[in-house]
Amino acid sequence: MDRRGLQRALDAAGIHPDAYELDGGLPNEAYTLEQRAGGWAAYYSERGLRTSEAVYGTEAEACADLHQRLLRDQTALRQTSEQHASRWRWRRRRA
């Protein structure tokens, strides 16, 4: 799997696009894939820090890692309009 294939797989799985970055950098609170000299890295970026960083020799290995990380994280899923409405109703009841 390459980055384009990963993008398609994440979209099909319902992963919110804000949950990841496939072009490296230090986005806030996002799983990130980064190409480096001689390899690829997959990590979680938060407040300018990289955590749970793993380095791979191939793009396919890094994409597979990032794919699994995102599928395991339920907070990365897109919310349906009913889920959003349910949370809004719950918050109003608490106020």
PDB file of N, CA and C in Angstrom:
ATOM      1  N   MET A   1       0.854  -1.177   0.000  1.00  0.00           N
ATOM      2  CA  MET A   1       0.000   0.000   0.000  1.00  0.00           C
ATOM      3  C   MET A   1       0.899   1.240   0.000  1.00  0.00           C
ATOM      4  N   ASP A   2       0.563   2.187  -0.846  1.00  0.00           N
ATOM      5  CA  ASP A   2       1.270   3.464  -0.841  1.00  0.00           C
ATOM      6  C   ASP A   2       0.352   4.532  -0.237  1.00  0.00           C
ATOM      7  N   ARG A   3       0.797   5.790  -0.232  1.00  0.00           N
ATOM      8  CA  ARG A   3      -0.004   6.853   0.400  1.00  0.00           C
ATOM      9  C   ARG A   3      -1.366   7.015  -0.259  1.00  0.00           C
ATOM     10  N   ARG A   4      -1.422   6.906  -1.575  1.00  0.00           N
ATOM     11  CA  ARG A   4      -2.731   7.029  -2.235  1.00  0.00           C
ATOM     12  C   ARG A   4      -3.663   5.893  -1.841  1.00  0.00           C
ATOM     13  N   GLY A   5      -3.108   4.687  -1.782  1.00  0.00           N
ATOM     14  CA  GLY A   5      -3.906   3.544  -1.359  1.00  0.00           C
ATOM     15  C   GLY A   5      -4.345   3.675   0.090  1.00  0.00           C
ATOM     16  N   LEU A   6      -3.460   4.186   0.926  1.00  0.00           N
ATOM     17  CA  LEU A   6      -3.800   4.412   2.330  1.00  0.00           C
ATOM     18  C   LEU A   6      -4.917   5.440   2.444  1.00  0.00           C
ATOM     19  N   GLN A   7      -4.829   6.504   1.688  1.00  0.00           N
ATOM     20  CA  GLN A   7      -5.867   7.544   1.693  1.00  0.00           C
ATOM     21  C   GLN A   7      -7.228   6.937   1.340  1.00  0.00           C
ATOM     22  N   ARG A   8      -7.266   6.110   0.304  1.00  0.00           N
ATOM     23  CA  ARG A   8      -8.527   5.468  -0.104  1.00  0.00           C
ATOM     24  C   ARG A   8      -9.044   4.531   0.983  1.00  0.00           C
ATOM     25  N   ALA A   9      -8.136   3.750   1.588  1.00  0.00           N
ATOM     26  CA  ALA A   9      -8.541   2.802   2.633  1.00  0.00           C
ATOM     27  C   ALA A   9      -9.082   3.522   3.860  1.00  0.00           C
ATOM     28  N   LEU A  10      -8.453   4.628   4.248  1.00  0.00           N
ATOM     29  CA  LEU A  10      -8.917   5.382   5.416  1.00  0.00           C
ATOM     30  C   LEU A  10     -10.261   6.030   5.150  1.00  0.00           C
ATOM     31  N   ASP A  11     -10.441   6.535   3.946  1.00  0.00           N
ATOM     32  CA  ASP A  11     -11.728   7.128   3.581  1.00  0.00           C
ATOM     33  C   ASP A  11     -12.829   6.065   3.611  1.00  0.00           C
ATOM     34  N   ALA A  12     -12.539   4.903   3.060  1.00  0.00           N
ATOM     35  CA  ALA A  12     -13.514   3.811   3.051  1.00  0.00           C
ATOM     36  C   ALA A  12     -13.852   3.331   4.462  1.00  0.00           C
ATOM     37  N   ALA A  13     -12.884   3.417   5.376  1.00  0.00           N
ATOM     38  CA  ALA A  13     -13.093   2.975   6.760  1.00  0.00           C
ATOM     39  C   ALA A  13     -13.801   4.037   7.604  1.00  0.00           C
ATOM     40  N   GLY A  14     -14.009   5.219   7.029  1.00  0.00           N
ATOM     41  CA  GLY A  14     -14.692   6.274   7.778  1.00  0.00           C
ATOM     42  C   GLY A  14     -13.797   7.041   8.725  1.00  0.00           C
ATOM     43  N   ILE A  15     -12.503   7.080   8.446  1.00  0.00           N
ATOM     44  CA  ILE A  15     -11.567   7.811   9.296  1.00  0.00           C
ATOM     45  C   ILE A  15     -11.620   9.292   8.926  1.00  0.00           C
ATOM     46  N   HIS A  16     -11.760  10.139   9.922  1.00  0.00           N
ATOM     47  CA  HIS A  16     -11.855  11.583   9.684  1.00  0.00           C
ATOM     48  C   HIS A  16     -10.530  12.102   9.130  1.00  0.00           C
ATOM     49  N   PRO A  17     -10.567  12.911   8.069  1.00  0.00           N
ATOM     50  CA  PRO A  17      -9.323  13.412   7.474  1.00  0.00           C
ATOM     51  C   PRO A  17      -8.464  14.254   8.412  1.00  0.00           C
ATOM     52  N   ASP A  18      -9.048  14.851   9.425  1.00  0.00           N
ATOM     53  CA  ASP A  18      -8.267  15.633  10.385  1.00  0.00           C
ATOM     54  C   ASP A  18      -7.470  14.754  11.346  1.00  0.00           C
ATOM     55  N   ALA A  19      -7.735  13.448  11.333  1.00  0.00           N
ATOM     56  CA  ALA A  19      -7.065  12.534  12.259  1.00  0.00           C
ATOM     57  C   ALA A  19      -5.674  12.132  11.777  1.00  0.00           C
ATOM     58  N   TYR A  20      -5.332  12.479  10.530  1.00  0.00           N
ATOM     59  CA  TYR A  20      -4.041  12.051  10.007  1.00  0.00           C
ATOM     60  C   TYR A  20      -3.467  13.051   9.006  1.00  0.00           C
ATOM     61  N   GLU A  21      -2.151  12.916   8.795  1.00  0.00           N
ATOM     62  CA  GLU A  21      -1.426  13.728   7.815  1.00  0.00           C
ATOM     63  C   GLU A  21      -0.464  12.793   7.095  1.00  0.00           C
ATOM     64  N   LEU A  22      -0.537  12.764   5.776  1.00  0.00           N
ATOM     65  CA  LEU A  22       0.283  11.835   5.010  1.00  0.00           C
ATOM     66  C   LEU A  22       1.507  12.482   4.374  1.00  0.00           C
ATOM     67  N   ASP A  23       1.743  13.744   4.670  1.00  0.00           N
ATOM     68  CA  ASP A  23       2.884  14.460   4.088  1.00  0.00           C
ATOM     69  C   ASP A  23       3.876  14.955   5.131  1.00  0.00           C
ATOM     70  N   GLY A  24       3.909  14.322   6.283  1.00  0.00           N
ATOM     71  CA  GLY A  24       4.879  14.671   7.310  1.00  0.00           C
ATOM     72  C   GLY A  24       4.538  15.943   8.055  1.00  0.00           C
ATOM     73  N   GLY A  25       5.474  16.413   8.837  1.00  0.00           N
ATOM     74  CA  GLY A  25       5.282  17.628   9.620  1.00  0.00           C
ATOM     75  C   GLY A  25       4.860  17.323  11.039  1.00  0.00           C
ATOM     76  N   LEU A  26       4.397  18.371  11.709  1.00  0.00           N
ATOM     77  CA  LEU A  26       3.973  18.243  13.103  1.00  0.00           C
ATOM     78  C   LEU A  26       2.572  18.826  13.297  1.00  0.00           C
ATOM     79  N   PRO A  27       1.567  18.242  12.638  1.00  0.00           N
ATOM     80  CA  PRO A  27       0.205  18.718  12.861  1.00  0.00           C
ATOM     81  C   PRO A  27      -0.217  18.427  14.299  1.00  0.00           C
ATOM     82  N   ASN A  28      -1.169  19.169  14.815  1.00  0.00           N
ATOM     83  CA  ASN A  28      -1.601  18.946  16.188  1.00  0.00           C
ATOM     84  C   ASN A  28      -2.597  17.796  16.260  1.00  0.00           C
ATOM     85  N   GLU A  29      -2.310  16.851  17.121  1.00  0.00           N
ATOM     86  CA  GLU A  29      -3.177  15.709  17.388  1.00  0.00           C
ATOM     87  C   GLU A  29      -3.552  14.965  16.120  1.00  0.00           C
ATOM     88  N   ALA A  30      -2.540  14.452  15.420  1.00  0.00           N
ATOM     89  CA  ALA A  30      -2.781  13.702  14.189  1.00  0.00           C
ATOM     90  C   ALA A  30      -1.738  12.602  14.027  1.00  0.00           C
ATOM     91  N   TYR A  31      -2.181  11.473  13.507  1.00  0.00           N
ATOM     92  CA  TYR A  31      -1.269  10.408  13.123  1.00  0.00           C
ATOM     93  C   TYR A  31      -0.592  10.859  11.836  1.00  0.00           C
ATOM     94  N   THR A  32       0.708  10.643  11.741  1.00  0.00           N
ATOM     95  CA  THR A  32       1.466  11.237  10.645  1.00  0.00           C
ATOM     96  C   THR A  32       2.385  10.218   9.979  1.00  0.00           C
ATOM     97  N   LEU A  33       2.462  10.332   8.666  1.00  0.00           N
ATOM     98  CA  LEU A  33       3.366   9.540   7.846  1.00  0.00           C
ATOM     99  C   LEU A  33       4.373  10.502   7.242  1.00  0.00           C
ATOM    100  N   GLU A  34       5.649  10.147   7.309  1.00  0.00           N
ATOM    101  CA  GLU A  34       6.679  11.068   6.825  1.00  0.00           C
ATOM    102  C   GLU A  34       7.769  10.314   6.074  1.00  0.00           C
ATOM    103  N   GLN A  35       8.077  10.796   4.876  1.00  0.00           N
ATOM    104  CA  GLN A  35       9.184  10.230   4.123  1.00  0.00           C
ATOM    105  C   GLN A  35      10.483  10.868   4.595  1.00  0.00           C
ATOM    106  N   ARG A  36      11.483  10.023   4.792  1.00  0.00           N
ATOM    107  CA  ARG A  36      12.792  10.489   5.250  1.00  0.00           C
ATOM    108  C   ARG A  36      13.869   9.915   4.350  1.00  0.00           C
ATOM    109  N   ALA A  37      15.047  10.462   4.445  1.00  0.00           N
ATOM    110  CA  ALA A  37      16.163   9.901   3.692  1.00  0.00           C
ATOM    111  C   ALA A  37      16.351   8.442   4.118  1.00  0.00           C
ATOM    112  N   GLY A  38      16.207   7.539   3.190  1.00  0.00           N
ATOM    113  CA  GLY A  38      16.418   6.128   3.487  1.00  0.00           C
ATOM    114  C   GLY A  38      15.260   5.415   4.138  1.00  0.00           C
ATOM    115  N   GLY A  39      14.103   6.039   4.257  1.00  0.00           N
ATOM    116  CA  GLY A  39      12.981   5.334   4.864  1.00  0.00           C
ATOM    117  C   GLY A  39      11.759   6.187   5.108  1.00  0.00           C
ATOM    118  N   TRP A  40      10.886   5.651   5.944  1.00  0.00           N
ATOM    119  CA  TRP A  40       9.606   6.275   6.263  1.00  0.00           C
ATOM    120  C   TRP A  40       9.375   6.194   7.772  1.00  0.00           C
ATOM    121  N   ALA A  41       8.635   7.160   8.303  1.00  0.00           N
ATOM    122  CA  ALA A  41       8.303   7.150   9.727  1.00  0.00           C
ATOM    123  C   ALA A  41       6.786   7.279   9.886  1.00  0.00           C
ATOM    124  N   ALA A  42       6.271   6.619  10.896  1.00  0.00           N
ATOM    125  CA  ALA A  42       4.868   6.743  11.301  1.00  0.00           C
ATOM    126  C   ALA A  42       4.887   7.148  12.771  1.00  0.00           C
ATOM    127  N   TYR A  43       4.102   8.169  13.120  1.00  0.00           N
ATOM    128  CA  TYR A  43       4.097   8.640  14.505  1.00  0.00           C
ATOM    129  C   TYR A  43       2.821   9.415  14.789  1.00  0.00           C
ATOM    130  N   TYR A  44       2.611   9.713  16.062  1.00  0.00           N
ATOM    131  CA  TYR A  44       1.510  10.569  16.480  1.00  0.00           C
ATOM    132  C   TYR A  44       2.110  11.926  16.820  1.00  0.00           C
ATOM    133  N   SER A  45       1.544  12.965  16.247  1.00  0.00           N
ATOM    134  CA  SER A  45       2.043  14.317  16.472  1.00  0.00           C
ATOM    135  C   SER A  45       1.067  15.072  17.367  1.00  0.00           C
ATOM    136  N   GLU A  46       1.611  15.666  18.430  1.00  0.00           N
ATOM    137  CA  GLU A  46       0.777  16.445  19.342  1.00  0.00           C
ATOM    138  C   GLU A  46       1.618  17.554  19.955  1.00  0.00           C
ATOM    139  N   ARG A  47       1.143  18.776  19.813  1.00  0.00           N
ATOM    140  CA  ARG A  47       1.822  19.949  20.381  1.00  0.00           C
ATOM    141  C   ARG A  47       3.293  20.030  19.987  1.00  0.00           C
ATOM    142  N   GLY A  48       3.566  19.745  18.735  1.00  0.00           N
ATOM    143  CA  GLY A  48       4.921  19.850  18.233  1.00  0.00           C
ATOM    144  C   GLY A  48       5.844  18.706  18.604  1.00  0.00           C
ATOM    145  N   LEU A  49       5.301  17.641  19.191  1.00  0.00           N
ATOM    146  CA  LEU A  49       6.111  16.486  19.588  1.00  0.00           C
ATOM    147  C   LEU A  49       5.679  15.241  18.828  1.00  0.00           C
ATOM    148  N   ARG A  50       6.642  14.371  18.573  1.00  0.00           N
ATOM    149  CA  ARG A  50       6.373  13.082  17.949  1.00  0.00           C
ATOM    150  C   ARG A  50       6.358  12.020  19.043  1.00  0.00           C
ATOM    151  N   THR A  51       5.297  11.231  19.084  1.00  0.00           N
ATOM    152  CA  THR A  51       5.247  10.125  20.039  1.00  0.00           C
ATOM    153  C   THR A  51       4.969   8.834  19.285  1.00  0.00           C
ATOM    154  N   SER A  52       5.322   7.737  19.902  1.00  0.00           N
ATOM    155  CA  SER A  52       5.122   6.404  19.317  1.00  0.00           C
ATOM    156  C   SER A  52       5.687   6.328  17.902  1.00  0.00           C
ATOM    157  N   GLU A  53       6.857   6.897  17.721  1.00  0.00           N
ATOM    158  CA  GLU A  53       7.463   6.938  16.391  1.00  0.00           C
ATOM    159  C   GLU A  53       8.087   5.592  16.034  1.00  0.00           C
ATOM    160  N   ALA A  54       7.811   5.151  14.809  1.00  0.00           N
ATOM    161  CA  ALA A  54       8.407   3.926  14.284  1.00  0.00           C
ATOM    162  C   ALA A  54       8.962   4.246  12.897  1.00  0.00           C
ATOM    163  N   VAL A  55      10.140   3.732  12.602  1.00  0.00           N
ATOM    164  CA  VAL A  55      10.798   3.997  11.323  1.00  0.00           C
ATOM    165  C   VAL A  55      10.833   2.696  10.515  1.00  0.00           C
ATOM    166  N   TYR A  56      10.538   2.817   9.227  1.00  0.00           N
ATOM    167  CA  TYR A  56      10.458   1.663   8.332  1.00  0.00           C
ATOM    168  C   TYR A  56      11.306   1.893   7.096  1.00  0.00           C
ATOM    169  N   GLY A  57      11.695   0.815   6.464  1.00  0.00           N
ATOM    170  CA  GLY A  57      12.484   0.895   5.256  1.00  0.00           C
ATOM    171  C   GLY A  57      11.661   1.163   4.008  1.00  0.00           C
ATOM    172  N   THR A  58      10.359   0.837   4.069  1.00  0.00           N
ATOM    173  CA  THR A  58       9.524   1.012   2.878  1.00  0.00           C
ATOM    174  C   THR A  58       8.261   1.807   3.198  1.00  0.00           C
ATOM    175  N   GLU A  59       7.734   2.419   2.175  1.00  0.00           N
ATOM    176  CA  GLU A  59       6.473   3.155   2.291  1.00  0.00           C
ATOM    177  C   GLU A  59       5.342   2.199   2.677  1.00  0.00           C
ATOM    178  N   ALA A  60       5.341   1.011   2.092  1.00  0.00           N
ATOM    179  CA  ALA A  60       4.280   0.041   2.375  1.00  0.00           C
ATOM    180  C   ALA A  60       4.225  -0.334   3.852  1.00  0.00           C
ATOM    181  N   GLU A  61       5.374  -0.533   4.470  1.00  0.00           N
ATOM    182  CA  GLU A  61       5.411  -0.883   5.897  1.00  0.00           C
ATOM    183  C   GLU A  61       4.881   0.259   6.755  1.00  0.00           C
ATOM    184  N   ALA A  62       5.300   1.470   6.444  1.00  0.00           N
ATOM    185  CA  ALA A  62       4.853   2.633   7.222  1.00  0.00           C
ATOM    186  C   ALA A  62       3.356   2.860   7.041  1.00  0.00           C
ATOM    187  N   CYS A  63       2.867   2.693   5.814  1.00  0.00           N
ATOM    188  CA  CYS A  63       1.431   2.866   5.556  1.00  0.00           C
ATOM    189  C   CYS A  63       0.616   1.817   6.308  1.00  0.00           C
ATOM    190  N   ALA A  64       1.091   0.577   6.324  1.00  0.00           N
ATOM    191  CA  ALA A  64       0.383  -0.485   7.044  1.00  0.00           C
ATOM    192  C   ALA A  64       0.310  -0.169   8.534  1.00  0.00           C
ATOM    193  N   ASP A  65       1.399   0.342   9.100  1.00  0.00           N
ATOM    194  CA  ASP A  65       1.417   0.712  10.514  1.00  0.00           C
ATOM    195  C   ASP A  65       0.410   1.836  10.788  1.00  0.00           C
ATOM    196  N   LEU A  66       0.467   2.887   9.991  1.00  0.00           N
ATOM    197  CA  LEU A  66      -0.432   4.016  10.214  1.00  0.00           C
ATOM    198  C   LEU A  66      -1.896   3.589  10.042  1.00  0.00           C
ATOM    199  N   HIS A  67      -2.152   2.735   9.077  1.00  0.00           N
ATOM    200  CA  HIS A  67      -3.502   2.222   8.846  1.00  0.00           C
ATOM    201  C   HIS A  67      -4.015   1.508  10.090  1.00  0.00           C
ATOM    202  N   GLN A  68      -3.220   0.627  10.660  1.00  0.00           N
ATOM    203  CA  GLN A  68      -3.626  -0.105  11.863  1.00  0.00           C
ATOM    204  C   GLN A  68      -3.829   0.825  13.056  1.00  0.00           C
ATOM    205  N   ARG A  69      -2.954   1.793  13.218  1.00  0.00           N
ATOM    206  CA  ARG A  69      -3.106   2.745  14.324  1.00  0.00           C
ATOM    207  C   ARG A  69      -4.437   3.480  14.235  1.00  0.00           C
ATOM    208  N   LEU A  70      -4.766   3.941  13.043  1.00  0.00           N
ATOM    209  CA  LEU A  70      -5.996   4.712  12.868  1.00  0.00           C
ATOM    210  C   LEU A  70      -7.241   3.848  13.025  1.00  0.00           C
ATOM    211  N   LEU A  71      -7.185   2.608  12.571  1.00  0.00           N
ATOM    212  CA  LEU A  71      -8.339   1.725  12.734  1.00  0.00           C
ATOM    213  C   LEU A  71      -8.588   1.374  14.197  1.00  0.00           C
ATOM    214  N   ARG A  72      -7.534   1.322  15.000  1.00  0.00           N
ATOM    215  CA  ARG A  72      -7.682   1.014  16.433  1.00  0.00           C
ATOM    216  C   ARG A  72      -8.200   2.198  17.245  1.00  0.00           C
ATOM    217  N   ASP A  73      -8.044   3.402  16.745  1.00  0.00           N
ATOM    218  CA  ASP A  73      -8.418   4.606  17.499  1.00  0.00           C
ATOM    219  C   ASP A  73      -9.844   5.037  17.137  1.00  0.00           C
ATOM    220  N   GLN A  74     -10.780   4.751  18.011  1.00  0.00           N
ATOM    221  CA  GLN A  74     -12.186   5.071  17.751  1.00  0.00           C
ATOM    222  C   GLN A  74     -12.438   6.575  17.623  1.00  0.00           C
ATOM    223  N   THR A  75     -11.577   7.389  18.216  1.00  0.00           N
ATOM    224  CA  THR A  75     -11.767   8.835  18.116  1.00  0.00           C
ATOM    225  C   THR A  75     -11.437   9.358  16.728  1.00  0.00           C
ATOM    226  N   ALA A  76     -10.807   8.538  15.892  1.00  0.00           N
ATOM    227  CA  ALA A  76     -10.454   8.955  14.534  1.00  0.00           C
ATOM    228  C   ALA A  76     -11.615   8.789  13.555  1.00  0.00           C
ATOM    229  N   LEU A  77     -12.656   8.103  13.962  1.00  0.00           N
ATOM    230  CA  LEU A  77     -13.795   7.869  13.075  1.00  0.00           C
ATOM    231  C   LEU A  77     -14.624   9.130  12.872  1.00  0.00           C
ATOM    232  N   ARG A  78     -15.173   9.267  11.668  1.00  0.00           N
ATOM    233  CA  ARG A  78     -16.106  10.359  11.404  1.00  0.00           C
ATOM    234  C   ARG A  78     -17.366  10.110  12.211  1.00  0.00           C
ATOM    235  N   GLN A  79     -17.985  11.167  12.659  1.00  0.00           N
ATOM    236  CA  GLN A  79     -19.261  11.038  13.360  1.00  0.00           C
ATOM    237  C   GLN A  79     -20.392  11.159  12.354  1.00  0.00           C
ATOM    238  N   THR A  80     -21.393  10.309  12.504  1.00  0.00           N
ATOM    239  CA  THR A  80     -22.586  10.471  11.682  1.00  0.00           C
ATOM    240  C   THR A  80     -23.386  11.633  12.251  1.00  0.00           C
ATOM    241  N   SER A  81     -24.318  12.136  11.494  1.00  0.00           N
ATOM    242  CA  SER A  81     -25.122  13.251  11.980  1.00  0.00           C
ATOM    243  C   SER A  81     -25.920  12.842  13.221  1.00  0.00           C
ATOM    244  N   GLU A  82     -26.334  11.572  13.315  1.00  0.00           N
ATOM    245  CA  GLU A  82     -27.068  11.111  14.494  1.00  0.00           C
ATOM    246  C   GLU A  82     -26.159  11.063  15.718  1.00  0.00           C
ATOM    247  N   GLN A  83     -24.906  10.645  15.559  1.00  0.00           N
ATOM    248  CA  GLN A  83     -23.973  10.649  16.683  1.00  0.00           C
ATOM    249  C   GLN A  83     -23.736  12.070  17.170  1.00  0.00           C
ATOM    250  N   HIS A  84     -23.584  12.981  16.226  1.00  0.00           N
ATOM    251  CA  HIS A  84     -23.365  14.379  16.580  1.00  0.00           C
ATOM    252  C   HIS A  84     -24.583  14.931  17.332  1.00  0.00           C
ATOM    253  N   ALA A  85     -25.772  14.652  16.828  1.00  0.00           N
ATOM    254  CA  ALA A  85     -26.992  15.134  17.473  1.00  0.00           C
ATOM    255  C   ALA A  85     -27.151  14.530  18.867  1.00  0.00           C
ATOM    256  N   SER A  86     -26.799  13.266  19.014  1.00  0.00           N
ATOM    257  CA  SER A  86     -26.899  12.605  20.308  1.00  0.00           C
ATOM    258  C   SER A  86     -25.982  13.260  21.333  1.00  0.00           C
ATOM    259  N   ARG A  87     -24.770  13.562  20.929  1.00  0.00           N
ATOM    260  CA  ARG A  87     -23.853  14.241  21.845  1.00  0.00           C
ATOM    261  C   ARG A  87     -24.353  15.627  22.191  1.00  0.00           C
ATOM    262  N   TRP A  88     -24.904  16.337  21.243  1.00  0.00           N
ATOM    263  CA  TRP A  88     -25.421  17.681  21.487  1.00  0.00           C
ATOM    264  C   TRP A  88     -26.573  17.622  22.493  1.00  0.00           C
ATOM    265  N   ARG A  89     -27.478  16.643  22.320  1.00  0.00           N
ATOM    266  CA  ARG A  89     -28.604  16.498  23.262  1.00  0.00           C
ATOM    267  C   ARG A  89     -28.088  16.182  24.658  1.00  0.00           C
ATOM    268  N   TRP A  90     -27.070  15.310  24.772  1.00  0.00           N
ATOM    269  CA  TRP A  90     -26.505  14.946  26.062  1.00  0.00           C
ATOM    270  C   TRP A  90     -25.890  16.166  26.727  1.00  0.00           C
ATOM    271  N   ARG A  91     -25.179  16.987  25.977  1.00  0.00           N
ATOM    272  CA  ARG A  91     -24.566  18.185  26.549  1.00  0.00           C
ATOM    273  C   ARG A  91     -25.634  19.169  27.013  1.00  0.00           C
ATOM    274  N   ARG A  92     -26.705  19.317  26.260  1.00  0.00           N
ATOM    275  CA  ARG A  92     -27.771  20.253  26.656  1.00  0.00           C
ATOM    276  C   ARG A  92     -28.426  19.801  27.963  1.00  0.00           C
ATOM    277  N   ARG A  93     -28.605  18.484  28.124  1.00  0.00           N
ATOM    278  CA  ARG A  93     -29.221  17.977  29.356  1.00  0.00           C
ATOM    279  C   ARG A  93     -28.340  18.251  30.564  1.00  0.00           C
ATOM    280  N   ARG A  94     -27.039  18.240  30.371  1.00  0.00           N
ATOM    281  CA  ARG A  94     -26.123  18.462  31.489  1.00  0.00           C
ATOM    282  C   ARG A  94     -26.020  19.925  31.855  1.00  0.00           C
ATOM    283  N   ALA A  95     -26.354  20.804  30.940  1.00  0.00           N
ATOM    284  CA  ALA A  95     -26.188  22.255  31.190  1.00  0.00           C
ATOM    285  C   ALA A  95     -27.239  22.792  32.122  1.00  0.00           C
TER     286      ALA A  95
END
